[in-house]
Amino acid sequence: MVLIFDRETDKLYHARLMTAHAINIPVINSLDFARKALEFRDTIPLLRFSRLGEYLAASNGSLEITLIGKADSSGKPALHLQVQGVLELACQRCLDSFEYPLDVTAEFVIVASEDAIPSPDSGEYDDEVDYLVAETQMPVIDLVEDEILLTLPLAPKHADEACSGTGRVELEKPSPFAVLKGFKAGKSQND
């Protein structure tokens, strides 16, 4: 912990040390961002995504991020997110790594609170719409990482023809009808 003295207010503050991981993370006011039709475009290294790292076979590379504030067709503030890049995942079938092309597009309607989200029973509910509660301090990287994690396959694997098969274990089960084969020829197992 670091103590910081503010000369303007003559106060002492306690602050956590900033790591390289925490520096330059864009934080936006989601409602203002949408109302002012602002845009954010950046290339973010995969190492910056803390939760995504456990799903990757390798964390080299980066993702192209585009976040655009706008109004939706009914005039409500909205965000358009697009994430593109390539992730290296581990095949759950052969355990080799493979390139997984990532192309995520998401639209969010911003609401003031959770109470403003229409209930599934109401007439204005649309299951195609994703709602986002307005935040004054929303880290863009968290929104991006959430959307990436939602699009990852539950069990990533190569296409069948591309899988090398190393690590596959084929078990041969004896046929339950093998005993009957001997009976057909007039033999029994006790002979």
C-alpha atoms as a PDB file:
ATOM      1  CA  MET A   1       0.000   0.000   0.000  1.00  0.00           C
ATOM      2  CA  VAL A   2       1.154   3.495  -0.835  1.00  0.00           C
ATOM      3  CA  LEU A   3       0.337   6.712   0.981  1.00  0.00           C
ATOM      4  CA  ILE A   4      -0.378   9.695  -1.249  1.00  0.00           C
ATOM      5  CA  PHE A   5      -0.521  13.255   0.035  1.00  0.00           C
ATOM      6  CA  ASP A   6      -2.755  15.638  -1.899  1.00  0.00           C
ATOM      7  CA  ARG A   7      -1.326  19.174  -1.530  1.00  0.00           C
ATOM      8  CA  GLU A   8      -4.511  20.874  -2.741  1.00  0.00           C
ATOM      9  CA  THR A   9      -6.746  19.365  -0.079  1.00  0.00           C
ATOM     10  CA  ASP A  10      -4.019  18.683   2.504  1.00  0.00           C
ATOM     11  CA  LYS A  11      -5.272  15.113   2.867  1.00  0.00           C
ATOM     12  CA  LEU A  12      -3.492  11.784   2.989  1.00  0.00           C
ATOM     13  CA  TYR A  13      -4.843   8.938   0.846  1.00  0.00           C
ATOM     14  CA  HIS A  14      -4.163   5.216   0.839  1.00  0.00           C
ATOM     15  CA  ALA A  15      -3.756   3.812  -2.655  1.00  0.00           C
ATOM     16  CA  ARG A  16      -3.029   0.389  -4.068  1.00  0.00           C
ATOM     17  CA  LEU A  17      -0.032   0.091  -6.334  1.00  0.00           C
ATOM     18  CA  MET A  18      -0.976   0.077  -9.984  1.00  0.00           C
ATOM     19  CA  THR A  19       0.334  -2.879 -11.876  1.00  0.00           C
ATOM     20  CA  ALA A  20       1.100  -2.904 -15.577  1.00  0.00           C
ATOM     21  CA  HIS A  21      -2.129  -4.858 -15.992  1.00  0.00           C
ATOM     22  CA  ALA A  22      -4.212  -2.025 -14.526  1.00  0.00           C
ATOM     23  CA  ILE A  23      -2.654   0.853 -16.461  1.00  0.00           C
ATOM     24  CA  ASN A  24      -4.546   2.366 -19.409  1.00  0.00           C
ATOM     25  CA  ILE A  25      -7.736   0.376 -19.009  1.00  0.00           C
ATOM     26  CA  PRO A  26     -10.413   2.538 -20.639  1.00  0.00           C
ATOM     27  CA  VAL A  27     -13.282   3.358 -18.294  1.00  0.00           C
ATOM     28  CA  ILE A  28     -16.403   5.040 -19.647  1.00  0.00           C
ATOM     29  CA  ASN A  29     -19.675   6.481 -18.447  1.00  0.00           C
ATOM     30  CA  SER A  30     -21.875   4.155 -20.499  1.00  0.00           C
ATOM     31  CA  LEU A  31     -24.887   6.484 -20.688  1.00  0.00           C
ATOM     32  CA  ASP A  32     -22.847   9.544 -21.733  1.00  0.00           C
ATOM     33  CA  PHE A  33     -20.852   7.413 -24.170  1.00  0.00           C
ATOM     34  CA  ALA A  34     -24.068   6.331 -25.913  1.00  0.00           C
ATOM     35  CA  ARG A  35     -25.800   9.737 -25.810  1.00  0.00           C
ATOM     36  CA  LYS A  36     -22.764  11.538 -27.248  1.00  0.00           C
ATOM     37  CA  ALA A  37     -22.301   8.827 -29.924  1.00  0.00           C
ATOM     38  CA  LEU A  38     -18.659   8.341 -28.945  1.00  0.00           C
ATOM     39  CA  GLU A  39     -16.409   5.655 -30.399  1.00  0.00           C
ATOM     40  CA  PHE A  40     -13.600   3.604 -28.924  1.00  0.00           C
ATOM     41  CA  ARG A  41     -11.276   1.569 -31.139  1.00  0.00           C
ATOM     42  CA  ASP A  42      -8.213  -0.224 -29.880  1.00  0.00           C
ATOM     43  CA  THR A  43      -6.065  -3.302 -30.205  1.00  0.00           C
ATOM     44  CA  ILE A  44      -5.863  -5.016 -26.814  1.00  0.00           C
ATOM     45  CA  PRO A  45      -3.305  -7.761 -26.098  1.00  0.00           C
ATOM     46  CA  LEU A  46      -4.773 -11.063 -24.870  1.00  0.00           C
ATOM     47  CA  LEU A  47      -2.617 -10.789 -21.737  1.00  0.00           C
ATOM     48  CA  ARG A  48      -4.869  -7.944 -20.534  1.00  0.00           C
ATOM     49  CA  PHE A  49      -7.876 -10.285 -20.185  1.00  0.00           C
ATOM     50  CA  SER A  50      -7.473 -11.936 -16.785  1.00  0.00           C
ATOM     51  CA  ARG A  51     -10.442 -14.333 -16.867  1.00  0.00           C
ATOM     52  CA  LEU A  52     -10.008 -15.328 -20.513  1.00  0.00           C
ATOM     53  CA  GLY A  53      -6.462 -16.557 -19.881  1.00  0.00           C
ATOM     54  CA  GLU A  54      -7.582 -19.802 -18.250  1.00  0.00           C
ATOM     55  CA  TYR A  55      -9.374 -20.844 -21.467  1.00  0.00           C
ATOM     56  CA  LEU A  56      -6.459 -20.150 -23.804  1.00  0.00           C
ATOM     57  CA  ALA A  57      -3.735 -22.558 -24.897  1.00  0.00           C
ATOM     58  CA  ALA A  58      -1.483 -19.542 -25.550  1.00  0.00           C
ATOM     59  CA  SER A  59      -1.999 -15.893 -24.688  1.00  0.00           C
ATOM     60  CA  ASN A  60       0.028 -14.335 -27.489  1.00  0.00           C
ATOM     61  CA  GLY A  61      -1.848 -12.139 -29.910  1.00  0.00           C
ATOM     62  CA  SER A  62      -4.371  -9.356 -29.602  1.00  0.00           C
ATOM     63  CA  LEU A  63      -7.977  -8.478 -30.343  1.00  0.00           C
ATOM     64  CA  GLU A  64      -9.434  -5.596 -32.343  1.00  0.00           C
ATOM     65  CA  ILE A  65     -12.092  -3.845 -30.235  1.00  0.00           C
ATOM     66  CA  THR A  66     -14.707  -1.376 -31.493  1.00  0.00           C
ATOM     67  CA  LEU A  67     -17.288   0.148 -29.153  1.00  0.00           C
ATOM     68  CA  ILE A  68     -19.744   2.669 -30.588  1.00  0.00           C
ATOM     69  CA  GLY A  69     -22.321   4.688 -28.676  1.00  0.00           C
ATOM     70  CA  LYS A  70     -25.603   5.348 -30.461  1.00  0.00           C
ATOM     71  CA  ALA A  71     -29.362   5.470 -30.169  1.00  0.00           C
ATOM     72  CA  ASP A  72     -31.322   2.348 -31.103  1.00  0.00           C
ATOM     73  CA  SER A  73     -34.322   2.313 -33.464  1.00  0.00           C
ATOM     74  CA  SER A  74     -36.651   3.498 -30.687  1.00  0.00           C
ATOM     75  CA  GLY A  75     -34.290   6.301 -29.604  1.00  0.00           C
ATOM     76  CA  LYS A  76     -32.946   4.604 -26.465  1.00  0.00           C
ATOM     77  CA  PRO A  77     -29.207   4.902 -25.711  1.00  0.00           C
ATOM     78  CA  ALA A  78     -27.324   1.842 -26.927  1.00  0.00           C
ATOM     79  CA  LEU A  79     -23.843   0.420 -27.392  1.00  0.00           C
ATOM     80  CA  HIS A  80     -22.558  -1.554 -30.360  1.00  0.00           C
ATOM     81  CA  LEU A  81     -19.587  -3.822 -29.592  1.00  0.00           C
ATOM     82  CA  GLN A  82     -17.451  -5.683 -32.100  1.00  0.00           C
ATOM     83  CA  VAL A  83     -14.483  -7.876 -31.211  1.00  0.00           C
ATOM     84  CA  GLN A  84     -12.326  -9.611 -33.814  1.00  0.00           C
ATOM     85  CA  GLY A  85      -9.211 -11.707 -33.617  1.00  0.00           C
ATOM     86  CA  VAL A  86      -7.905 -15.221 -33.246  1.00  0.00           C
ATOM     87  CA  LEU A  87      -7.707 -17.200 -30.008  1.00  0.00           C
ATOM     88  CA  GLU A  88      -5.564 -20.256 -29.500  1.00  0.00           C
ATOM     89  CA  LEU A  89      -7.647 -22.863 -27.678  1.00  0.00           C
ATOM     90  CA  ALA A  90      -6.924 -26.453 -26.623  1.00  0.00           C
ATOM     91  CA  CYS A  91      -8.931 -29.132 -28.417  1.00  0.00           C
ATOM     92  CA  GLN A  92     -10.815 -31.182 -25.830  1.00  0.00           C
ATOM     93  CA  ARG A  93     -10.624 -34.246 -28.087  1.00  0.00           C
ATOM     94  CA  CYS A  94      -6.903 -34.423 -28.949  1.00  0.00           C
ATOM     95  CA  LEU A  95      -5.493 -31.795 -26.540  1.00  0.00           C
ATOM     96  CA  ASP A  96      -3.590 -30.046 -29.360  1.00  0.00           C
ATOM     97  CA  SER A  97      -3.984 -26.296 -29.713  1.00  0.00           C
ATOM     98  CA  PHE A  98      -5.878 -24.792 -32.623  1.00  0.00           C
ATOM     99  CA  GLU A  99      -6.797 -21.337 -33.865  1.00  0.00           C
ATOM    100  CA  TYR A 100     -10.329 -20.245 -33.072  1.00  0.00           C
ATOM    101  CA  PRO A 101     -11.486 -17.262 -35.147  1.00  0.00           C
ATOM    102  CA  LEU A 102     -13.350 -14.793 -32.967  1.00  0.00           C
ATOM    103  CA  ASP A 103     -15.918 -12.426 -34.428  1.00  0.00           C
ATOM    104  CA  VAL A 104     -18.266 -11.106 -31.749  1.00  0.00           C
ATOM    105  CA  THR A 105     -20.943  -8.513 -32.428  1.00  0.00           C
ATOM    106  CA  ALA A 106     -23.261  -7.403 -29.628  1.00  0.00           C
ATOM    107  CA  GLU A 107     -25.860  -4.669 -29.220  1.00  0.00           C
ATOM    108  CA  PHE A 108     -26.844  -3.365 -25.781  1.00  0.00           C
ATOM    109  CA  VAL A 109     -29.706  -1.097 -24.820  1.00  0.00           C
ATOM    110  CA  ILE A 110     -28.712   0.977 -21.797  1.00  0.00           C
ATOM    111  CA  VAL A 111     -31.244   1.268 -18.992  1.00  0.00           C
ATOM    112  CA  ALA A 112     -31.099   3.372 -15.833  1.00  0.00           C
ATOM    113  CA  SER A 113     -31.634   0.448 -13.435  1.00  0.00           C
ATOM    114  CA  GLU A 114     -32.543  -3.222 -13.380  1.00  0.00           C
ATOM    115  CA  ASP A 115     -36.172  -2.224 -12.774  1.00  0.00           C
ATOM    116  CA  ALA A 116     -36.219  -0.614 -16.238  1.00  0.00           C
ATOM    117  CA  ILE A 117     -35.555  -3.967 -17.937  1.00  0.00           C
ATOM    118  CA  PRO A 118     -38.873  -5.303 -19.265  1.00  0.00           C
ATOM    119  CA  SER A 119     -40.006  -8.522 -17.614  1.00  0.00           C
ATOM    120  CA  PRO A 120     -40.547 -11.590 -19.821  1.00  0.00           C
ATOM    121  CA  ASP A 121     -44.285 -11.358 -19.083  1.00  0.00           C
ATOM    122  CA  SER A 122     -44.641  -7.806 -20.407  1.00  0.00           C
ATOM    123  CA  GLY A 123     -45.653  -6.949 -23.953  1.00  0.00           C
ATOM    124  CA  GLU A 124     -42.512  -4.894 -24.624  1.00  0.00           C
ATOM    125  CA  TYR A 125     -40.106  -7.750 -23.769  1.00  0.00           C
ATOM    126  CA  ASP A 126     -37.879  -8.858 -26.624  1.00  0.00           C
ATOM    127  CA  ASP A 127     -35.588 -11.828 -26.005  1.00  0.00           C
ATOM    128  CA  GLU A 128     -33.300 -10.628 -28.812  1.00  0.00           C
ATOM    129  CA  VAL A 129     -32.369  -7.456 -26.898  1.00  0.00           C
ATOM    130  CA  ASP A 130     -29.488  -7.389 -24.420  1.00  0.00           C
ATOM    131  CA  TYR A 131     -29.840  -4.802 -21.675  1.00  0.00           C
ATOM    132  CA  LEU A 132     -27.007  -3.112 -19.848  1.00  0.00           C
ATOM    133  CA  VAL A 133     -27.514  -1.137 -16.645  1.00  0.00           C
ATOM    134  CA  ALA A 134     -25.919   2.312 -16.929  1.00  0.00           C
ATOM    135  CA  GLU A 135     -22.641   2.750 -15.068  1.00  0.00           C
ATOM    136  CA  THR A 136     -20.603   5.888 -14.522  1.00  0.00           C
ATOM    137  CA  GLN A 137     -17.365   3.891 -14.228  1.00  0.00           C
ATOM    138  CA  MET A 138     -17.645   0.947 -16.643  1.00  0.00           C
ATOM    139  CA  PRO A 139     -14.347  -0.699 -17.626  1.00  0.00           C
ATOM    140  CA  VAL A 140     -14.610  -1.463 -21.342  1.00  0.00           C
ATOM    141  CA  ILE A 141     -12.312  -4.447 -20.952  1.00  0.00           C
ATOM    142  CA  ASP A 142     -14.806  -6.128 -18.580  1.00  0.00           C
ATOM    143  CA  LEU A 143     -17.645  -5.754 -21.082  1.00  0.00           C
ATOM    144  CA  VAL A 144     -15.460  -7.137 -23.863  1.00  0.00           C
ATOM    145  CA  GLU A 145     -14.245 -10.058 -21.767  1.00  0.00           C
ATOM    146  CA  ASP A 146     -17.795 -10.958 -20.694  1.00  0.00           C
ATOM    147  CA  GLU A 147     -18.941 -11.122 -24.306  1.00  0.00           C
ATOM    148  CA  ILE A 148     -15.941 -13.211 -25.374  1.00  0.00           C
ATOM    149  CA  LEU A 149     -16.529 -15.707 -22.565  1.00  0.00           C
ATOM    150  CA  LEU A 150     -20.193 -16.019 -23.539  1.00  0.00           C
ATOM    151  CA  THR A 151     -19.300 -16.925 -27.128  1.00  0.00           C
ATOM    152  CA  LEU A 152     -16.611 -19.516 -26.395  1.00  0.00           C
ATOM    153  CA  PRO A 153     -17.659 -23.109 -27.038  1.00  0.00           C
ATOM    154  CA  LEU A 154     -18.285 -25.232 -23.949  1.00  0.00           C
ATOM    155  CA  ALA A 155     -15.885 -27.920 -25.207  1.00  0.00           C
ATOM    156  CA  PRO A 156     -13.647 -26.434 -27.911  1.00  0.00           C
ATOM    157  CA  LYS A 157     -12.432 -28.913 -30.508  1.00  0.00           C
ATOM    158  CA  HIS A 158     -11.090 -29.172 -34.022  1.00  0.00           C
ATOM    159  CA  ALA A 159     -13.380 -30.116 -36.850  1.00  0.00           C
ATOM    160  CA  ASP A 160     -13.502 -33.947 -37.063  1.00  0.00           C
ATOM    161  CA  GLU A 161     -11.363 -34.095 -40.201  1.00  0.00           C
ATOM    162  CA  ALA A 162      -8.766 -31.676 -38.757  1.00  0.00           C
ATOM    163  CA  CYS A 163      -8.341 -33.397 -35.389  1.00  0.00           C
ATOM    164  CA  SER A 164      -5.063 -35.309 -35.154  1.00  0.00           C
ATOM    165  CA  GLY A 165      -6.556 -37.853 -32.779  1.00  0.00           C
ATOM    166  CA  THR A 166      -3.531 -37.957 -30.517  1.00  0.00           C
ATOM    167  CA  GLY A 167      -4.854 -38.530 -27.074  1.00  0.00           C
ATOM    168  CA  ARG A 168      -7.919 -40.387 -28.325  1.00  0.00           C
ATOM    169  CA  VAL A 169      -8.509 -43.637 -26.580  1.00  0.00           C
ATOM    170  CA  GLU A 170     -10.582 -46.196 -28.398  1.00  0.00           C
ATOM    171  CA  LEU A 171     -11.887 -48.878 -26.096  1.00  0.00           C
ATOM    172  CA  GLU A 172     -12.986 -52.162 -27.584  1.00  0.00           C
ATOM    173  CA  LYS A 173     -15.900 -53.668 -25.758  1.00  0.00           C
ATOM    174  CA  PRO A 174     -16.614 -57.344 -26.159  1.00  0.00           C
ATOM    175  CA  SER A 175     -19.837 -57.894 -27.998  1.00  0.00           C
ATOM    176  CA  PRO A 176     -22.667 -59.049 -25.721  1.00  0.00           C
ATOM    177  CA  PHE A 177     -23.662 -61.463 -28.512  1.00  0.00           C
ATOM    178  CA  ALA A 178     -20.268 -63.206 -28.669  1.00  0.00           C
ATOM    179  CA  VAL A 179     -21.602 -65.980 -26.395  1.00  0.00           C
ATOM    180  CA  LEU A 180     -24.496 -66.605 -28.767  1.00  0.00           C
ATOM    181  CA  LYS A 181     -22.077 -67.113 -31.648  1.00  0.00           C
ATOM    182  CA  GLY A 182     -20.940 -70.377 -30.071  1.00  0.00           C
ATOM    183  CA  PHE A 183     -24.500 -71.604 -29.607  1.00  0.00           C
ATOM    184  CA  LYS A 184     -25.257 -71.172 -33.296  1.00  0.00           C
ATOM    185  CA  ALA A 185     -22.461 -73.584 -34.193  1.00  0.00           C
ATOM    186  CA  GLY A 186     -23.758 -76.080 -31.625  1.00  0.00           C
ATOM    187  CA  LYS A 187     -21.060 -75.435 -29.056  1.00  0.00           C
ATOM    188  CA  SER A 188     -21.401 -74.142 -25.540  1.00  0.00           C
ATOM    189  CA  GLN A 189     -18.916 -72.276 -23.429  1.00  0.00           C
ATOM    190  CA  ASN A 190     -18.632 -75.191 -20.987  1.00  0.00           C
ATOM    191  CA  ASP A 191     -17.275 -77.589 -23.647  1.00  0.00           C
END
